[in-house]
Structures are given as C-alpha cells and as structure tokens.
Amino acid sequence: AAILDDTAVITVSGYTVSLPDGFTRTDAEGSVIAAGGTLTFKPADPNYDYTVTVTVGGGEATTVSPDEDGIYTVPNVNGNVVVSSAKTPKTFTVTQGDDTTGAATATYQTDYTFELTPADGYVYNMAVTIGGKPYTGFTAKVNDDGTTTYTIPGADITGEIVINSNKQVKLPETYKVTFAGTGAGDATG
C-alpha cells in the first residue's frame, strides 16, 4: 500500500445510541444519531419511576429527568450515547369507601387487598375506579366472620384507586300472607 497524501480528513456523520430494554426513541428509529442532533426517548411502561443516566462520548454520566410527557431529551449529541436506568414501581393513593379498610397506598405490580365489614341493616354494591376509570377486575372472597376480602391484581394498579361500597339501608322484607277459612278465627300462626 502506498500513502499518496499525508493528510486525512475524517468526517463524523453520526454516533451510536445504546438504550436500555424497555425504552424507545421518539426522535427517530435505529441506533445511530446525527452529529449535533437531539436524542429523545421514553420508557415503554410509564408505571415506573425511572432514574436515567446518560453518558455521551465516554464522558461523565449525567442524570436526565423527563418532561411532563415522560420524554427524556439529550441535546447536541457529540459522541456515542449510552443510556442506563433503574426503575421502581409507582405508588398510588387509595380512597376507602364506607365500612372498607385497607392500606392508604397501592403499588404497581403488587396485589392490593381491602376488606368490607358489613354493618347490620345495610346492603353494599362494591364499585372501584382506577385512574378515574371504572374497574371491575377485582375478586371477592367471603370470609367465615362475615367480612369480604377484595383483591386487585398488581398489574392493574396504574392510577389512584377510589373504592365506593355504595352502602344503602336494607329495605324491610315483606311477605304475602293468605288465609284459608271464612273469618279471622280461622287464622293461626
């Protein structure tokens, strides 16, 4: 091989992008970004709180926070990008209904249980909302002591939970009574 010129010009047109599992780019597809470009990405599952660090060009790792839409941004990319993250499941508040008890918070991916202790003379029609939307995927188990334990699967806990027991006074029971005979003297019992 012969060197014909003692000067070489290298033009960098792009850098590699390495995202952790569960994250996707929102600015483009693939694993390359143009030099000087802006990288944006987001997690596939928004039900976790993420701690995201970014290293550009082998430099010092910096923590990046998402915007209000959950999108992370790395501006003016001038080297290969490596993104890493740690995640913890989100926790949501729980509002109990009449005669129900349970924890004040529920965590994504952890089953949540609450209990109804019915009061004498009342009937209940359990209703639950998660994130403001009606939810019917809970299960109910009647216990020997007359209480009922309800369970919401952890995968369904994706927002604030509101429990409404719809407690109402039990209507008096009525019966139809017929008498056989010709007068009041024939009625017995």
Protein backbone atom coordinates (compact mmCIF):
# COMPACT_ATOMS: atom_id res chain seq x y z
CA ALA A 1 0.00 0.00 0.00
CA ALA A 2 1.27 3.44 -0.80
CA ILE A 3 0.36 6.64 1.03
CA LEU A 4 -0.45 9.21 -1.60
CA ASP A 5 -1.38 12.06 0.73
CA ASP A 6 -0.04 12.90 4.18
CA THR A 7 -3.37 14.47 5.25
CA ALA A 8 -6.54 12.56 6.13
CA VAL A 9 -9.90 14.13 6.86
CA ILE A 10 -12.39 12.18 8.92
CA THR A 11 -15.98 13.33 8.86
CA VAL A 12 -18.25 12.01 11.58
CA SER A 13 -21.80 11.88 10.38
CA GLY A 14 -23.34 10.02 13.28
CA TYR A 15 -22.93 8.40 16.68
CA THR A 16 -24.28 5.19 18.15
CA VAL A 17 -27.14 5.18 20.65
CA SER A 18 -27.49 2.45 23.27
CA LEU A 19 -30.84 2.41 25.13
CA PRO A 20 -31.78 0.01 27.94
CA ASP A 21 -34.52 -2.57 27.43
CA GLY A 22 -37.98 -1.06 27.66
CA PHE A 23 -37.01 2.33 26.16
CA THR A 24 -37.72 3.52 22.62
CA ARG A 25 -36.59 6.55 20.67
CA THR A 26 -39.16 9.24 19.92
CA ASP A 27 -36.98 11.29 17.54
CA ALA A 28 -36.11 8.53 15.06
CA GLU A 29 -35.61 4.79 14.72
CA GLY A 30 -32.42 2.78 14.88
CA SER A 31 -29.22 3.04 16.86
CA VAL A 32 -27.49 5.99 15.17
CA ILE A 33 -27.97 9.73 15.70
CA ALA A 34 -26.60 12.54 13.54
CA ALA A 35 -23.74 14.58 14.99
CA GLY A 36 -25.15 17.62 16.81
CA GLY A 37 -28.64 16.11 16.82
CA THR A 38 -31.09 15.86 19.70
CA LEU A 39 -31.89 12.42 21.09
CA THR A 40 -35.33 11.88 22.66
CA PHE A 41 -36.60 8.65 24.16
CA LYS A 42 -39.22 7.31 26.56
CA PRO A 43 -39.96 4.16 28.57
CA ALA A 44 -42.50 1.68 27.25
CA ASP A 45 -44.08 1.26 30.71
CA PRO A 46 -44.98 4.61 32.35
CA ASN A 47 -45.99 2.92 35.62
CA TYR A 48 -42.45 3.03 37.00
CA ASP A 49 -40.37 5.89 38.34
CA TYR A 50 -37.05 5.83 36.47
CA THR A 51 -33.60 7.11 37.36
CA VAL A 52 -31.95 7.65 33.99
CA THR A 53 -28.27 8.44 33.43
CA VAL A 54 -26.67 9.34 30.11
CA THR A 55 -23.02 9.15 29.05
CA VAL A 56 -22.04 10.98 25.85
CA GLY A 57 -18.70 10.28 24.17
CA GLY A 58 -17.38 8.33 27.16
CA GLY A 59 -17.63 11.41 29.38
CA GLU A 60 -19.15 11.76 32.82
CA ALA A 61 -22.58 10.24 33.38
CA THR A 62 -25.34 12.77 33.99
CA THR A 63 -28.85 12.22 35.33
CA VAL A 64 -31.64 13.18 32.95
CA SER A 65 -35.22 13.96 34.00
CA PRO A 66 -38.29 13.52 31.80
CA ASP A 67 -40.60 16.31 30.68
CA GLU A 68 -44.31 16.33 31.61
CA ASP A 69 -45.00 13.80 28.83
CA GLY A 70 -42.39 11.34 30.17
CA ILE A 71 -39.90 12.02 27.35
CA TYR A 72 -36.16 12.26 28.07
CA THR A 73 -34.01 14.62 25.96
CA VAL A 74 -30.26 14.71 25.22
CA PRO A 75 -29.45 17.82 23.13
CA ASN A 76 -26.43 18.46 20.85
CA VAL A 77 -25.07 14.90 20.73
CA ASN A 78 -21.30 14.98 20.11
CA GLY A 79 -20.30 11.38 20.85
CA ASN A 80 -21.61 7.86 21.25
CA VAL A 81 -24.55 7.79 23.69
CA VAL A 82 -25.06 5.17 26.41
CA VAL A 83 -28.27 5.37 28.46
CA SER A 84 -28.80 3.35 31.63
CA SER A 85 -31.72 3.26 34.05
CA ALA A 86 -33.05 1.90 37.32
CA LYS A 87 -36.76 1.67 37.98
CA THR A 88 -39.13 1.40 40.92
CA PRO A 89 -42.89 0.74 40.65
CA LYS A 90 -45.13 3.78 41.14
CA THR A 91 -47.29 4.07 44.25
CA PHE A 92 -50.82 5.48 44.12
CA THR A 93 -53.21 6.74 46.81
CA VAL A 94 -56.29 4.74 47.80
CA THR A 95 -59.58 6.27 49.00
CA GLN A 96 -61.67 3.85 51.05
CA GLY A 97 -65.45 3.55 50.96
CA ASP A 98 -67.94 3.17 53.82
CA ASP A 99 -67.08 0.18 56.03
CA THR A 100 -63.98 -0.76 53.98
CA THR A 101 -60.43 -0.91 55.30
CA GLY A 102 -57.07 -1.27 53.59
CA ALA A 103 -53.71 0.40 53.09
CA ALA A 104 -53.66 4.10 52.13
CA THR A 105 -51.48 3.39 49.08
CA ALA A 106 -51.19 0.71 46.39
CA THR A 107 -48.10 -0.13 44.34
CA TYR A 108 -47.95 -1.14 40.68
CA GLN A 109 -47.21 -4.89 40.26
CA THR A 110 -48.15 -5.65 43.90
CA ASP A 111 -51.64 -7.06 44.58
CA TYR A 112 -53.80 -4.75 46.71
CA THR A 113 -56.38 -6.09 49.17
CA PHE A 114 -59.08 -4.34 51.15
CA GLU A 115 -61.84 -5.62 53.37
CA LEU A 116 -65.53 -4.83 53.75
CA THR A 117 -67.02 -5.25 57.23
CA PRO A 118 -70.77 -5.00 56.65
CA ALA A 119 -72.94 -3.22 59.20
CA ASP A 120 -76.26 -4.75 60.24
CA GLY A 121 -79.23 -3.43 58.29
CA TYR A 122 -77.23 -2.35 55.23
CA VAL A 123 -76.51 -3.73 51.75
CA TYR A 124 -73.45 -2.97 49.61
CA ASN A 125 -72.68 -2.80 45.90
CA MET A 126 -68.90 -2.51 45.54
CA ALA A 127 -67.57 -0.17 42.82
CA VAL A 128 -63.91 0.66 42.14
CA THR A 129 -62.22 3.20 39.88
CA ILE A 130 -58.53 3.21 38.95
CA GLY A 131 -57.15 6.39 37.47
CA GLY A 132 -60.70 7.76 37.20
CA LYS A 133 -61.96 4.84 35.08
CA PRO A 134 -64.43 2.17 36.27
CA TYR A 135 -62.68 -1.08 37.20
CA THR A 136 -64.34 -4.49 37.60
CA GLY A 137 -61.34 -6.86 37.58
CA PHE A 138 -61.22 -7.27 41.37
CA THR A 139 -62.06 -10.57 43.08
CA ALA A 140 -64.14 -11.03 46.23
CA LYS A 141 -63.81 -13.73 48.90
CA VAL A 142 -66.43 -14.01 51.67
CA ASN A 143 -64.75 -14.85 54.98
CA ASP A 144 -66.12 -17.01 57.82
CA ASP A 145 -66.53 -13.93 60.06
CA GLY A 146 -68.93 -12.24 57.61
CA THR A 147 -66.36 -9.85 56.13
CA THR A 148 -65.41 -9.86 52.44
CA THR A 149 -61.82 -9.53 51.20
CA TYR A 150 -61.36 -7.90 47.79
CA THR A 151 -58.16 -8.19 45.73
CA ILE A 152 -56.98 -6.00 42.85
CA PRO A 153 -54.17 -7.59 40.78
CA GLY A 154 -50.93 -5.57 40.91
CA ALA A 155 -50.67 -5.30 37.12
CA ASP A 156 -53.94 -3.32 37.11
CA ILE A 157 -52.78 -0.70 39.63
CA THR A 158 -51.96 2.14 37.24
CA GLY A 159 -53.53 5.15 38.96
CA GLU A 160 -55.31 6.42 42.06
CA ILE A 161 -57.85 3.94 43.44
CA VAL A 162 -61.26 5.03 44.71
CA ILE A 163 -63.40 2.43 46.48
CA ASN A 164 -67.13 3.06 46.78
CA SER A 165 -69.11 0.49 48.76
CA ASN A 166 -72.45 2.10 47.80
CA LYS A 167 -73.78 1.48 51.32
CA GLN A 168 -77.58 1.62 51.47
CA VAL A 169 -80.17 0.87 54.13
CA LYS A 170 -81.54 -2.61 53.67
CA LEU A 171 -85.19 -2.46 52.65
CA PRO A 172 -87.61 -4.17 55.05
CA GLU A 173 -88.54 -7.63 53.97
CA THR A 174 -92.19 -8.07 53.06
CA TYR A 175 -94.22 -11.21 52.76
CA LYS A 176 -97.56 -12.01 51.19
CA VAL A 177 -99.87 -13.69 53.68
CA THR A 178 -103.04 -15.51 52.67
CA PHE A 179 -105.54 -17.07 54.99
CA ALA A 180 -107.66 -20.10 54.38
CA GLY A 181 -111.05 -20.13 56.02
CA THR A 182 -114.08 -17.93 56.46
CA GLY A 183 -113.03 -15.47 59.16
CA ALA A 184 -110.37 -14.19 61.50
CA GLY A 185 -110.98 -17.09 63.83
CA ASP A 186 -109.62 -19.48 61.24
CA ALA A 187 -106.21 -17.70 61.08
CA THR A 188 -103.42 -19.33 63.07
CA GLY A 189 -99.69 -18.79 63.39
